[in-house]
Amino acid sequence: MKAVLYNEHGGPEVLRYTDVPDPNPGSHDVVVRVAATSLNRLDVVQRNGWFTMPGFVFPHISGMDVAGTIIGLGTEVDGLAMGDRVVIDPSLSEVPNGSKYAGMGDLYGVLGIIGGTVDGGYAELCLAPHTHIHRLPDGYDLEQAATIPTVYATAWHALFDTGGLSSGETVLIHAAASGVSSAAIQFAKSVGATVLATAGSSEKETWAKTLGADHTINNRTGDIVGFVREVTSGHGVDMVLDHVGPAMWESSVFALRPRGRLVFVGNTTGNEVPINLGYAYHMGIKFLGSDPYRYEEFARMLAAVISGGFRSIVDSRFELVEAGAAQQRMLASDHAGKILLVP
């Protein structure tokens, strides 16, 4: 099969479009012909060598979010059939014995991730445990399915398991046009929360509103704290969901009501932030890091996305051989929505 891989860290020039052996499934594995893979920032971060997941090795085939059709079944796989249209849960926790990926499920250590630590979707074929294969309804768009796994599972876990968001609460969500935030806006609205969203342009604000955001502000030119206080009659929001990091941190803290929760699930703009300890403890601010989502959450998340008619904006599509250009578009941060590779 054709795949895009790299054997060293560096710029897009290290990516090689080449022939590699087809994956050979274990008894509890499935082979999926890739219809589409959506990019995530980890793809670029690991390629550049800025950060690598525990367990990362060369050569590496990226691509955590994969949808396609089953073309190969292990000898012990039940409940799935050749030709099924599916999406893959990339987090390799709870993998059964008999899968080639068994034993990689340490959530706080070496957590195997399809496209993160083992071969992923920058290829014509992708291997996955049968337990991590989820059938899609007839007619469900495979490109839309490829936008779901990482960002929707991350948003679901951060909002509900980590943050405990409930009906009637207010939540501020940063970087509204990003994948995680687009998912979070829809989830938050689905449970009856009021959503305030920040975005980097008027076009991205418009997108946030189409997803259900009640109030938006340009995070490059606007006074975020003042905006929040005005919308909430001076109280502040119950929760902030942030995956940006230092660039939004201070605004996030001061936008919260007393005893509010700051749920953070990323560090796009850096790894360290200042904390005004006196303000934080006096106001009872809760800082909640959102850890990896759990295996059992994925099916519930997927059902909610499909039944709720959720959708992701697709920014652009690239052929597999154009993976370097696709990653450069992501790194420029001018895109809105998900970037797809289509073999």
C-alpha atoms as a PDB file:
ATOM      1  CA  MET A   1       0.000   0.000   0.000  1.00  0.00           C
ATOM      2  CA  LYS A   2       0.942   3.664  -0.314  1.00  0.00           C
ATOM      3  CA  ALA A   3       1.609   5.626   2.858  1.00  0.00           C
ATOM      4  CA  VAL A   4       3.228   8.830   4.080  1.00  0.00           C
ATOM      5  CA  LEU A   5       5.856   8.247   6.766  1.00  0.00           C
ATOM      6  CA  TYR A   6       8.936   9.861   8.260  1.00  0.00           C
ATOM      7  CA  ASN A   7      12.140   8.481   9.753  1.00  0.00           C
ATOM      8  CA  GLU A   8      13.467  11.649  11.400  1.00  0.00           C
ATOM      9  CA  HIS A   9      12.176  14.896  12.874  1.00  0.00           C
ATOM     10  CA  GLY A  10      12.060  17.995  10.725  1.00  0.00           C
ATOM     11  CA  GLY A  11       9.956  20.060   8.367  1.00  0.00           C
ATOM     12  CA  PRO A  12       7.530  18.763   5.738  1.00  0.00           C
ATOM     13  CA  GLU A  13      10.489  17.618   3.648  1.00  0.00           C
ATOM     14  CA  VAL A  14      10.953  14.594   5.966  1.00  0.00           C
ATOM     15  CA  LEU A  15       7.573  13.183   4.918  1.00  0.00           C
ATOM     16  CA  ARG A  16       7.926  10.398   2.351  1.00  0.00           C
ATOM     17  CA  TYR A  17       5.139   9.118   0.107  1.00  0.00           C
ATOM     18  CA  THR A  18       6.175   5.522  -0.420  1.00  0.00           C
ATOM     19  CA  ASP A  19       5.214   1.858  -0.562  1.00  0.00           C
ATOM     20  CA  VAL A  20       4.952  -0.079   2.709  1.00  0.00           C
ATOM     21  CA  PRO A  21       3.656  -3.599   3.461  1.00  0.00           C
ATOM     22  CA  ASP A  22      -0.080  -4.013   3.892  1.00  0.00           C
ATOM     23  CA  PRO A  23      -1.070  -4.487   7.561  1.00  0.00           C
ATOM     24  CA  ASN A  24      -1.598  -8.091   8.639  1.00  0.00           C
ATOM     25  CA  PRO A  25      -4.337  -8.369  11.303  1.00  0.00           C
ATOM     26  CA  GLY A  26      -4.055 -10.326  14.504  1.00  0.00           C
ATOM     27  CA  SER A  27      -6.941 -12.600  15.467  1.00  0.00           C
ATOM     28  CA  HIS A  28      -8.859  -9.698  17.060  1.00  0.00           C
ATOM     29  CA  ASP A  29      -7.949  -6.988  14.536  1.00  0.00           C
ATOM     30  CA  VAL A  30      -9.570  -5.377  11.513  1.00  0.00           C
ATOM     31  CA  VAL A  31      -8.052  -3.763   8.417  1.00  0.00           C
ATOM     32  CA  VAL A  32      -9.804  -0.626   7.171  1.00  0.00           C
ATOM     33  CA  ARG A  33      -9.443   0.866   3.705  1.00  0.00           C
ATOM     34  CA  VAL A  34      -9.051   4.559   4.487  1.00  0.00           C
ATOM     35  CA  ALA A  35     -11.633   6.862   2.912  1.00  0.00           C
ATOM     36  CA  ALA A  36     -10.456   9.949   4.790  1.00  0.00           C
ATOM     37  CA  THR A  37      -8.165  10.976   7.622  1.00  0.00           C
ATOM     38  CA  SER A  38      -8.375  14.318   9.398  1.00  0.00           C
ATOM     39  CA  LEU A  39      -5.291  16.097  10.651  1.00  0.00           C
ATOM     40  CA  ASN A  40      -4.566  16.990  14.263  1.00  0.00           C
ATOM     41  CA  ARG A  41      -1.902  19.302  15.676  1.00  0.00           C
ATOM     42  CA  LEU A  42      -0.090  16.287  17.167  1.00  0.00           C
ATOM     43  CA  ASP A  43       0.758  15.224  13.606  1.00  0.00           C
ATOM     44  CA  VAL A  44       2.862  18.368  13.141  1.00  0.00           C
ATOM     45  CA  VAL A  45       4.195  18.577  16.698  1.00  0.00           C
ATOM     46  CA  GLN A  46       5.620  15.048  16.558  1.00  0.00           C
ATOM     47  CA  ARG A  47       6.974  15.452  13.037  1.00  0.00           C
ATOM     48  CA  ASN A  48       8.871  18.592  14.097  1.00  0.00           C
ATOM     49  CA  GLY A  49      10.126  16.887  17.262  1.00  0.00           C
ATOM     50  CA  TRP A  50       8.668  19.542  19.571  1.00  0.00           C
ATOM     51  CA  PHE A  51       7.008  16.773  21.571  1.00  0.00           C
ATOM     52  CA  THR A  52       6.485  13.048  21.150  1.00  0.00           C
ATOM     53  CA  MET A  53       4.073  10.723  22.883  1.00  0.00           C
ATOM     54  CA  PRO A  54       5.581   8.069  25.180  1.00  0.00           C
ATOM     55  CA  GLY A  55       6.091   5.043  22.967  1.00  0.00           C
ATOM     56  CA  PHE A  56       6.663   7.000  19.756  1.00  0.00           C
ATOM     57  CA  VAL A  57       9.110   5.274  17.371  1.00  0.00           C
ATOM     58  CA  PHE A  58      10.452   5.686  13.826  1.00  0.00           C
ATOM     59  CA  PRO A  59       9.333   5.133  11.152  1.00  0.00           C
ATOM     60  CA  HIS A  60       6.013   6.784  11.920  1.00  0.00           C
ATOM     61  CA  ILE A  61       2.742   6.988   9.982  1.00  0.00           C
ATOM     62  CA  SER A  62       0.539   9.754  11.412  1.00  0.00           C
ATOM     63  CA  GLY A  63      -3.247  10.099  11.293  1.00  0.00           C
ATOM     64  CA  MET A  64      -5.388   9.525  14.389  1.00  0.00           C
ATOM     65  CA  ASP A  65      -8.839  10.135  12.882  1.00  0.00           C
ATOM     66  CA  VAL A  66      -9.745   7.495  10.334  1.00  0.00           C
ATOM     67  CA  ALA A  67     -12.951   6.453   8.585  1.00  0.00           C
ATOM     68  CA  GLY A  68     -13.392   3.927   5.803  1.00  0.00           C
ATOM     69  CA  THR A  69     -14.546   0.415   4.942  1.00  0.00           C
ATOM     70  CA  ILE A  70     -13.492  -2.953   6.343  1.00  0.00           C
ATOM     71  CA  ILE A  71     -11.428  -5.056   3.931  1.00  0.00           C
ATOM     72  CA  GLY A  72      -9.836  -7.529   6.362  1.00  0.00           C
ATOM     73  CA  LEU A  73     -10.966  -9.412   9.476  1.00  0.00           C
ATOM     74  CA  GLY A  74      -9.017 -11.355  12.083  1.00  0.00           C
ATOM     75  CA  THR A  75     -10.026 -14.949  12.677  1.00  0.00           C
ATOM     76  CA  GLU A  76     -11.763 -14.219  16.011  1.00  0.00           C
ATOM     77  CA  VAL A  77     -13.679 -11.075  15.006  1.00  0.00           C
ATOM     78  CA  ASP A  78     -17.462 -11.227  15.460  1.00  0.00           C
ATOM     79  CA  GLY A  79     -20.139  -8.658  14.728  1.00  0.00           C
ATOM     80  CA  LEU A  80     -18.327  -6.969  11.864  1.00  0.00           C
ATOM     81  CA  ALA A  81     -18.309  -7.781   8.167  1.00  0.00           C
ATOM     82  CA  MET A  82     -16.346  -7.041   5.051  1.00  0.00           C
ATOM     83  CA  GLY A  83     -17.536  -3.809   3.504  1.00  0.00           C
ATOM     84  CA  ASP A  84     -18.859  -2.283   6.753  1.00  0.00           C
ATOM     85  CA  ARG A  85     -18.497   1.495   6.809  1.00  0.00           C
ATOM     86  CA  VAL A  86     -16.734   2.415  10.034  1.00  0.00           C
ATOM     87  CA  VAL A  87     -14.854   4.959  12.112  1.00  0.00           C
ATOM     88  CA  ILE A  88     -11.939   4.061  14.403  1.00  0.00           C
ATOM     89  CA  ASP A  89     -11.448   4.941  18.087  1.00  0.00           C
ATOM     90  CA  PRO A  90      -7.696   5.700  18.074  1.00  0.00           C
ATOM     91  CA  SER A  91      -7.025   5.410  21.828  1.00  0.00           C
ATOM     92  CA  LEU A  92      -5.694   1.918  22.494  1.00  0.00           C
ATOM     93  CA  SER A  93      -6.995   1.344  26.017  1.00  0.00           C
ATOM     94  CA  GLU A  94      -9.018  -1.805  26.741  1.00  0.00           C
ATOM     95  CA  VAL A  95      -7.538  -3.653  23.755  1.00  0.00           C
ATOM     96  CA  PRO A  96      -8.223  -7.425  23.864  1.00  0.00           C
ATOM     97  CA  ASN A  97      -5.589 -10.127  23.823  1.00  0.00           C
ATOM     98  CA  GLY A  98      -5.225 -11.347  20.262  1.00  0.00           C
ATOM     99  CA  SER A  99      -4.854  -7.839  18.891  1.00  0.00           C
ATOM    100  CA  LYS A 100      -1.429  -6.708  17.782  1.00  0.00           C
ATOM    101  CA  TYR A 101      -2.019  -3.622  19.920  1.00  0.00           C
ATOM    102  CA  ALA A 102      -2.839  -5.397  23.189  1.00  0.00           C
ATOM    103  CA  GLY A 103      -1.021  -4.130  26.283  1.00  0.00           C
ATOM    104  CA  MET A 104      -0.656  -0.486  25.212  1.00  0.00           C
ATOM    105  CA  GLY A 105      -3.449   0.913  27.350  1.00  0.00           C
ATOM    106  CA  ASP A 106      -1.733   2.701  30.246  1.00  0.00           C
ATOM    107  CA  LEU A 107      -3.757   5.935  30.365  1.00  0.00           C
ATOM    108  CA  TYR A 108      -1.111   7.702  32.459  1.00  0.00           C
ATOM    109  CA  GLY A 109       1.952   6.067  30.922  1.00  0.00           C
ATOM    110  CA  VAL A 110       2.502   4.512  27.520  1.00  0.00           C
ATOM    111  CA  LEU A 111      -0.957   4.893  25.995  1.00  0.00           C
ATOM    112  CA  GLY A 112      -0.996   3.519  22.472  1.00  0.00           C
ATOM    113  CA  ILE A 113      -2.637   5.793  19.925  1.00  0.00           C
ATOM    114  CA  ILE A 114      -3.349   4.923  16.319  1.00  0.00           C
ATOM    115  CA  GLY A 115      -1.508   7.601  14.365  1.00  0.00           C
ATOM    116  CA  GLY A 116       0.212   8.819  17.533  1.00  0.00           C
ATOM    117  CA  THR A 117       2.423   5.897  18.572  1.00  0.00           C
ATOM    118  CA  VAL A 118       1.474   3.194  16.040  1.00  0.00           C
ATOM    119  CA  ASP A 119       0.706   3.407  12.331  1.00  0.00           C
ATOM    120  CA  GLY A 120      -2.273   5.590  11.484  1.00  0.00           C
ATOM    121  CA  GLY A 121      -4.353   6.923   8.659  1.00  0.00           C
ATOM    122  CA  TYR A 122      -1.791   8.634   6.402  1.00  0.00           C
ATOM    123  CA  ALA A 123      -2.059   5.489   4.320  1.00  0.00           C
ATOM    124  CA  GLU A 124      -4.372   3.524   2.098  1.00  0.00           C
ATOM    125  CA  LEU A 125      -4.988   0.921   4.837  1.00  0.00           C
ATOM    126  CA  CYS A 126      -5.133   1.108   8.640  1.00  0.00           C
ATOM    127  CA  LEU A 127      -5.055  -1.630  11.306  1.00  0.00           C
ATOM    128  CA  ALA A 128      -7.210  -1.407  14.455  1.00  0.00           C
ATOM    129  CA  PRO A 129      -8.551  -3.731  17.186  1.00  0.00           C
ATOM    130  CA  HIS A 130     -12.090  -4.884  16.414  1.00  0.00           C
ATOM    131  CA  THR A 131     -13.226  -3.445  19.761  1.00  0.00           C
ATOM    132  CA  HIS A 132     -12.250   0.007  18.514  1.00  0.00           C
ATOM    133  CA  ILE A 133     -14.218  -0.200  15.283  1.00  0.00           C
ATOM    134  CA  HIS A 134     -17.615   1.529  15.228  1.00  0.00           C
ATOM    135  CA  ARG A 135     -20.084   0.976  12.415  1.00  0.00           C
ATOM    136  CA  LEU A 136     -21.742   4.008  10.871  1.00  0.00           C
ATOM    137  CA  PRO A 137     -25.360   4.366   9.783  1.00  0.00           C
ATOM    138  CA  ASP A 138     -26.087   3.781   6.109  1.00  0.00           C
ATOM    139  CA  GLY A 139     -25.384   6.923   4.157  1.00  0.00           C
ATOM    140  CA  TYR A 140     -23.374   8.655   6.884  1.00  0.00           C
ATOM    141  CA  ASP A 141     -20.653  10.658   5.187  1.00  0.00           C
ATOM    142  CA  LEU A 142     -17.216   9.097   5.680  1.00  0.00           C
ATOM    143  CA  GLU A 143     -15.427  12.428   5.492  1.00  0.00           C
ATOM    144  CA  GLN A 144     -17.605  13.774   8.296  1.00  0.00           C
ATOM    145  CA  ALA A 145     -16.918  10.587  10.252  1.00  0.00           C
ATOM    146  CA  ALA A 146     -13.172  11.185   9.907  1.00  0.00           C
ATOM    147  CA  THR A 147     -13.546  14.546  11.669  1.00  0.00           C
ATOM    148  CA  ILE A 148     -15.051  12.969  14.789  1.00  0.00           C
ATOM    149  CA  PRO A 149     -12.715  10.754  16.859  1.00  0.00           C
ATOM    150  CA  THR A 150     -10.069  12.883  18.549  1.00  0.00           C
ATOM    151  CA  VAL A 151     -11.748  16.276  18.752  1.00  0.00           C
ATOM    152  CA  TYR A 152     -15.237  15.108  19.704  1.00  0.00           C
ATOM    153  CA  ALA A 153     -13.991  12.549  22.240  1.00  0.00           C
ATOM    154  CA  THR A 154     -11.661  15.171  23.731  1.00  0.00           C
ATOM    155  CA  ALA A 155     -14.447  17.755  23.952  1.00  0.00           C
ATOM    156  CA  TRP A 156     -16.942  15.257  25.422  1.00  0.00           C
ATOM    157  CA  HIS A 157     -14.547  14.128  28.139  1.00  0.00           C
ATOM    158  CA  ALA A 158     -13.426  17.664  28.987  1.00  0.00           C
ATOM    159  CA  LEU A 159     -16.924  19.129  29.242  1.00  0.00           C
ATOM    160  CA  PHE A 160     -18.754  16.315  30.983  1.00  0.00           C
ATOM    161  CA  ASP A 161     -16.381  13.905  32.735  1.00  0.00           C
ATOM    162  CA  THR A 162     -13.769  16.466  33.778  1.00  0.00           C
ATOM    163  CA  GLY A 163     -15.817  19.659  33.930  1.00  0.00           C
ATOM    164  CA  GLY A 164     -19.249  18.350  34.900  1.00  0.00           C
ATOM    165  CA  LEU A 165     -21.093  20.815  32.648  1.00  0.00           C
ATOM    166  CA  SER A 166     -24.859  20.752  33.153  1.00  0.00           C
ATOM    167  CA  SER A 167     -28.030  22.414  31.917  1.00  0.00           C
ATOM    168  CA  GLY A 168     -28.406  26.084  32.784  1.00  0.00           C
ATOM    169  CA  GLU A 169     -24.692  26.747  33.217  1.00  0.00           C
ATOM    170  CA  THR A 170     -22.576  29.173  31.197  1.00  0.00           C
ATOM    171  CA  VAL A 171     -19.373  28.124  29.450  1.00  0.00           C
ATOM    172  CA  LEU A 172     -16.705  30.138  27.621  1.00  0.00           C
ATOM    173  CA  ILE A 173     -15.054  28.236  24.777  1.00  0.00           C
ATOM    174  CA  HIS A 174     -11.925  29.578  23.105  1.00  0.00           C
ATOM    175  CA  ALA A 175     -10.826  29.211  19.448  1.00  0.00           C
ATOM    176  CA  ALA A 176     -14.339  28.458  18.263  1.00  0.00           C
ATOM    177  CA  ALA A 177     -13.400  27.379  14.737  1.00  0.00           C
ATOM    178  CA  SER A 178     -10.976  24.694  15.903  1.00  0.00           C
ATOM    179  CA  GLY A 179     -12.053  21.073  15.873  1.00  0.00           C
ATOM    180  CA  VAL A 180     -12.253  20.598  19.650  1.00  0.00           C
ATOM    181  CA  SER A 181     -14.099  23.872  20.173  1.00  0.00           C
ATOM    182  CA  SER A 182     -16.557  23.286  17.331  1.00  0.00           C
ATOM    183  CA  ALA A 183     -17.396  19.956  18.936  1.00  0.00           C
ATOM    184  CA  ALA A 184     -17.617  21.494  22.412  1.00  0.00           C
ATOM    185  CA  ILE A 185     -20.026  24.216  21.316  1.00  0.00           C
ATOM    186  CA  GLN A 186     -22.432  21.611  19.960  1.00  0.00           C
ATOM    187  CA  PHE A 187     -22.163  19.356  23.012  1.00  0.00           C
ATOM    188  CA  ALA A 188     -22.664  22.259  25.409  1.00  0.00           C
ATOM    189  CA  LYS A 189     -25.772  23.449  23.580  1.00  0.00           C
ATOM    190  CA  SER A 190     -27.148  19.914  23.482  1.00  0.00           C
ATOM    191  CA  VAL A 191     -27.303  19.805  27.299  1.00  0.00           C
ATOM    192  CA  GLY A 192     -28.834  23.250  27.676  1.00  0.00           C
ATOM    193  CA  ALA A 193     -25.790  25.367  28.528  1.00  0.00           C
ATOM    194  CA  THR A 194     -25.322  28.970  27.424  1.00  0.00           C
ATOM    195  CA  VAL A 195     -22.235  29.201  25.215  1.00  0.00           C
ATOM    196  CA  LEU A 196     -19.888  32.170  24.918  1.00  0.00           C
ATOM    197  CA  ALA A 197     -17.211  31.683  22.270  1.00  0.00           C
ATOM    198  CA  THR A 198     -14.057  33.483  21.190  1.00  0.00           C
ATOM    199  CA  ALA A 199     -12.650  33.369  17.664  1.00  0.00           C
ATOM    200  CA  GLY A 200      -9.934  35.045  15.631  1.00  0.00           C
ATOM    201  CA  SER A 201     -12.083  36.593  12.891  1.00  0.00           C
ATOM    202  CA  SER A 202     -15.627  37.646  12.092  1.00  0.00           C
ATOM    203  CA  GLU A 203     -15.941  34.663   9.756  1.00  0.00           C
ATOM    204  CA  LYS A 204     -15.022  32.301  12.588  1.00  0.00           C
ATOM    205  CA  GLU A 205     -17.483  34.064  14.888  1.00  0.00           C
ATOM    206  CA  THR A 206     -20.183  33.439  12.302  1.00  0.00           C
ATOM    207  CA  TRP A 207     -19.253  29.756  12.202  1.00  0.00           C
ATOM    208  CA  ALA A 208     -19.499  29.558  15.995  1.00  0.00           C
ATOM    209  CA  LYS A 209     -22.991  31.016  15.860  1.00  0.00           C
ATOM    210  CA  THR A 210     -24.092  28.515  13.221  1.00  0.00           C
ATOM    211  CA  LEU A 211     -23.025  25.770  15.645  1.00  0.00           C
ATOM    212  CA  GLY A 212     -25.156  27.285  18.401  1.00  0.00           C
ATOM    213  CA  ALA A 213     -22.930  29.749  20.260  1.00  0.00           C
ATOM    214  CA  ASP A 214     -25.126  32.339  21.974  1.00  0.00           C
ATOM    215  CA  HIS A 215     -22.516  35.101  22.167  1.00  0.00           C
ATOM    216  CA  THR A 216     -19.168  35.582  20.402  1.00  0.00           C
ATOM    217  CA  ILE A 217     -16.181  37.922  20.477  1.00  0.00           C
ATOM    218  CA  ASN A 218     -13.015  38.388  18.423  1.00  0.00           C
ATOM    219  CA  ASN A 219     -10.228  37.144  20.678  1.00  0.00           C
ATOM    220  CA  ARG A 220      -7.573  39.185  18.860  1.00  0.00           C
ATOM    221  CA  THR A 221      -9.203  42.586  19.214  1.00  0.00           C
ATOM    222  CA  GLY A 222     -11.876  42.337  21.917  1.00  0.00           C
ATOM    223  CA  ASP A 223     -11.898  42.632  25.714  1.00  0.00           C
ATOM    224  CA  ILE A 224     -12.788  39.063  26.620  1.00  0.00           C
ATOM    225  CA  VAL A 225     -13.267  39.617  30.332  1.00  0.00           C
ATOM    226  CA  GLY A 226     -15.391  42.711  29.747  1.00  0.00           C
ATOM    227  CA  PHE A 227     -17.470  40.818  27.191  1.00  0.00           C
ATOM    228  CA  VAL A 228     -18.063  37.942  29.628  1.00  0.00           C
ATOM    229  CA  ARG A 229     -19.013  40.252  32.498  1.00  0.00           C
ATOM    230  CA  GLU A 230     -21.462  42.127  30.267  1.00  0.00           C
ATOM    231  CA  VAL A 231     -23.139  38.966  28.948  1.00  0.00           C
ATOM    232  CA  THR A 232     -23.410  37.384  32.411  1.00  0.00           C
ATOM    233  CA  SER A 233     -24.579  40.552  34.206  1.00  0.00           C
ATOM    234  CA  GLY A 234     -21.274  40.775  36.037  1.00  0.00           C
ATOM    235  CA  HIS A 235     -21.247  37.224  37.418  1.00  0.00           C
ATOM    236  CA  GLY A 236     -18.750  35.473  35.133  1.00  0.00           C
ATOM    237  CA  VAL A 237     -19.077  32.058  33.521  1.00  0.00           C
ATOM    238  CA  ASP A 238     -19.364  28.744  35.339  1.00  0.00           C
ATOM    239  CA  MET A 239     -16.724  27.101  33.168  1.00  0.00           C
ATOM    240  CA  VAL A 240     -14.014  27.930  30.664  1.00  0.00           C
ATOM    241  CA  LEU A 241     -12.852  25.291  28.184  1.00  0.00           C
ATOM    242  CA  ASP A 242      -9.365  26.105  26.926  1.00  0.00           C
ATOM    243  CA  HIS A 243      -6.878  24.295  24.727  1.00  0.00           C
ATOM    244  CA  VAL A 244      -4.938  27.424  23.712  1.00  0.00           C
ATOM    245  CA  GLY A 245      -2.877  27.934  26.860  1.00  0.00           C
ATOM    246  CA  PRO A 246      -0.891  31.043  27.794  1.00  0.00           C
ATOM    247  CA  ALA A 247      -2.431  33.345  25.177  1.00  0.00           C
ATOM    248  CA  MET A 248      -5.881  33.024  26.777  1.00  0.00           C
ATOM    249  CA  TRP A 249      -5.017  32.002  30.334  1.00  0.00           C
ATOM    250  CA  GLU A 250      -5.380  35.305  32.182  1.00  0.00           C
ATOM    251  CA  SER A 251      -8.628  36.156  30.403  1.00  0.00           C
ATOM    252  CA  SER A 252      -9.928  32.688  31.236  1.00  0.00           C
ATOM    253  CA  VAL A 253      -9.193  33.031  34.951  1.00  0.00           C
ATOM    254  CA  PHE A 254     -10.775  36.474  35.312  1.00  0.00           C
ATOM    255  CA  ALA A 255     -13.813  35.516  33.202  1.00  0.00           C
ATOM    256  CA  LEU A 256     -14.860  32.901  35.771  1.00  0.00           C
ATOM    257  CA  ARG A 257     -17.438  33.431  38.496  1.00  0.00           C
ATOM    258  CA  PRO A 258     -16.448  32.615  42.099  1.00  0.00           C
ATOM    259  CA  ARG A 259     -15.823  28.849  42.373  1.00  0.00           C
ATOM    260  CA  GLY A 260     -15.767  28.578  38.588  1.00  0.00           C
ATOM    261  CA  ARG A 261     -13.911  25.802  36.723  1.00  0.00           C
ATOM    262  CA  LEU A 262     -11.121  26.273  34.193  1.00  0.00           C
ATOM    263  CA  VAL A 263     -10.872  23.048  32.196  1.00  0.00           C
ATOM    264  CA  PHE A 264      -7.701  22.907  30.121  1.00  0.00           C
ATOM    265  CA  VAL A 265      -6.937  20.294  27.529  1.00  0.00           C
ATOM    266  CA  GLY A 266      -4.148  21.737  25.398  1.00  0.00           C
ATOM    267  CA  ASN A 267      -1.138  24.026  25.222  1.00  0.00           C
ATOM    268  CA  THR A 268      -1.084  25.391  21.678  1.00  0.00           C
ATOM    269  CA  THR A 269       0.630  28.667  22.628  1.00  0.00           C
ATOM    270  CA  GLY A 270       3.042  27.361  25.252  1.00  0.00           C
ATOM    271  CA  ASN A 271       3.573  25.183  28.281  1.00  0.00           C
ATOM    272  CA  GLU A 272       3.729  27.563  31.235  1.00  0.00           C
ATOM    273  CA  VAL A 273       1.238  30.090  32.644  1.00  0.00           C
ATOM    274  CA  PRO A 274       1.218  32.519  35.598  1.00  0.00           C
ATOM    275  CA  ILE A 275      -1.322  31.965  38.368  1.00  0.00           C
ATOM    276  CA  ASN A 276      -2.347  34.749  40.709  1.00  0.00           C
ATOM    277  CA  LEU A 277      -2.574  32.539  43.765  1.00  0.00           C
ATOM    278  CA  GLY A 278      -4.276  35.120  45.967  1.00  0.00           C
ATOM    279  CA  TYR A 279      -7.045  35.716  43.454  1.00  0.00           C
ATOM    280  CA  ALA A 280      -7.400  32.018  42.634  1.00  0.00           C
ATOM    281  CA  TYR A 281      -7.831  30.789  46.190  1.00  0.00           C
ATOM    282  CA  HIS A 282      -9.905  33.757  47.293  1.00  0.00           C
ATOM    283  CA  MET A 283     -12.348  33.133  44.440  1.00  0.00           C
ATOM    284  CA  GLY A 284     -12.198  29.374  44.807  1.00  0.00           C
ATOM    285  CA  ILE A 285     -11.128  28.874  41.192  1.00  0.00           C
ATOM    286  CA  LYS A 286     -10.781  25.226  40.174  1.00  0.00           C
ATOM    287  CA  PHE A 287      -8.078  24.313  37.655  1.00  0.00           C
ATOM    288  CA  LEU A 288      -8.972  20.987  36.042  1.00  0.00           C
ATOM    289  CA  GLY A 289      -6.647  19.230  33.635  1.00  0.00           C
ATOM    290  CA  SER A 290      -8.595  16.997  31.269  1.00  0.00           C
ATOM    291  CA  ASP A 291      -6.911  13.601  31.085  1.00  0.00           C
ATOM    292  CA  PRO A 292      -7.380  10.963  28.335  1.00  0.00           C
ATOM    293  CA  TYR A 293     -10.940   9.975  27.517  1.00  0.00           C
ATOM    294  CA  ARG A 294     -12.072   6.517  28.565  1.00  0.00           C
ATOM    295  CA  TYR A 295     -12.807   3.608  26.255  1.00  0.00           C
ATOM    296  CA  GLU A 296     -16.481   3.447  27.259  1.00  0.00           C
ATOM    297  CA  GLU A 297     -17.001   7.143  26.489  1.00  0.00           C
ATOM    298  CA  PHE A 298     -16.323   6.816  22.776  1.00  0.00           C
ATOM    299  CA  ALA A 299     -19.486   4.920  21.855  1.00  0.00           C
ATOM    300  CA  ARG A 300     -21.648   7.292  23.902  1.00  0.00           C
ATOM    301  CA  MET A 301     -19.988  10.291  22.291  1.00  0.00           C
ATOM    302  CA  LEU A 302     -20.405   8.893  18.780  1.00  0.00           C
ATOM    303  CA  ALA A 303     -24.087   8.109  19.358  1.00  0.00           C
ATOM    304  CA  ALA A 304     -24.657  11.678  20.577  1.00  0.00           C
ATOM    305  CA  VAL A 305     -22.907  13.147  17.538  1.00  0.00           C
ATOM    306  CA  ILE A 306     -24.862  11.057  15.050  1.00  0.00           C
ATOM    307  CA  SER A 307     -28.283  11.346  16.713  1.00  0.00           C
ATOM    308  CA  GLY A 308     -27.799  15.069  17.330  1.00  0.00           C
ATOM    309  CA  GLY A 309     -26.946  15.834  13.724  1.00  0.00           C
ATOM    310  CA  PHE A 310     -23.666  17.438  14.769  1.00  0.00           C
ATOM    311  CA  ARG A 311     -21.363  18.560  12.001  1.00  0.00           C
ATOM    312  CA  SER A 312     -17.813  19.686  11.474  1.00  0.00           C
ATOM    313  CA  ILE A 313     -16.657  22.293   9.024  1.00  0.00           C
ATOM    314  CA  VAL A 314     -14.178  20.855   6.510  1.00  0.00           C
ATOM    315  CA  ASP A 315     -11.609  23.518   5.756  1.00  0.00           C
ATOM    316  CA  SER A 316      -9.824  21.738   2.931  1.00  0.00           C
ATOM    317  CA  ARG A 317      -9.022  18.399   1.327  1.00  0.00           C
ATOM    318  CA  PHE A 318      -5.630  17.148   0.196  1.00  0.00           C
ATOM    319  CA  GLU A 319      -4.530  13.985  -1.545  1.00  0.00           C
ATOM    320  CA  LEU A 320      -2.312  11.654   0.470  1.00  0.00           C
ATOM    321  CA  VAL A 321       0.750  12.636  -1.523  1.00  0.00           C
ATOM    322  CA  GLU A 322       0.091  16.256  -0.466  1.00  0.00           C
ATOM    323  CA  ALA A 323       0.379  15.529   3.277  1.00  0.00           C
ATOM    324  CA  GLY A 324       3.199  18.045   3.687  1.00  0.00           C
ATOM    325  CA  ALA A 325       1.109  20.872   2.240  1.00  0.00           C
ATOM    326  CA  ALA A 326      -1.831  19.844   4.435  1.00  0.00           C
ATOM    327  CA  GLN A 327       0.354  20.020   7.542  1.00  0.00           C
ATOM    328  CA  GLN A 328       1.706  23.412   6.524  1.00  0.00           C
ATOM    329  CA  ARG A 329      -1.836  24.722   6.264  1.00  0.00           C
ATOM    330  CA  MET A 330      -2.522  23.482   9.783  1.00  0.00           C
ATOM    331  CA  LEU A 331       0.661  25.026  11.145  1.00  0.00           C
ATOM    332  CA  ALA A 332      -0.232  28.431   9.664  1.00  0.00           C
ATOM    333  CA  SER A 333      -3.345  28.481  11.906  1.00  0.00           C
ATOM    334  CA  ASP A 334      -5.396  30.326   9.299  1.00  0.00           C
ATOM    335  CA  HIS A 335      -7.712  27.405   8.653  1.00  0.00           C
ATOM    336  CA  ALA A 336     -11.241  27.050   9.990  1.00  0.00           C
ATOM    337  CA  GLY A 337     -12.335  23.503  10.766  1.00  0.00           C
ATOM    338  CA  LYS A 338     -10.748  20.198   9.884  1.00  0.00           C
ATOM    339  CA  ILE A 339      -8.182  19.465   7.195  1.00  0.00           C
ATOM    340  CA  LEU A 340      -8.624  16.121   5.437  1.00  0.00           C
ATOM    341  CA  LEU A 341      -6.311  13.713   3.658  1.00  0.00           C
ATOM    342  CA  VAL A 342      -8.164  11.648   1.093  1.00  0.00           C
ATOM    343  CA  PRO A 343      -6.173   8.701  -0.319  1.00  0.00           C
END
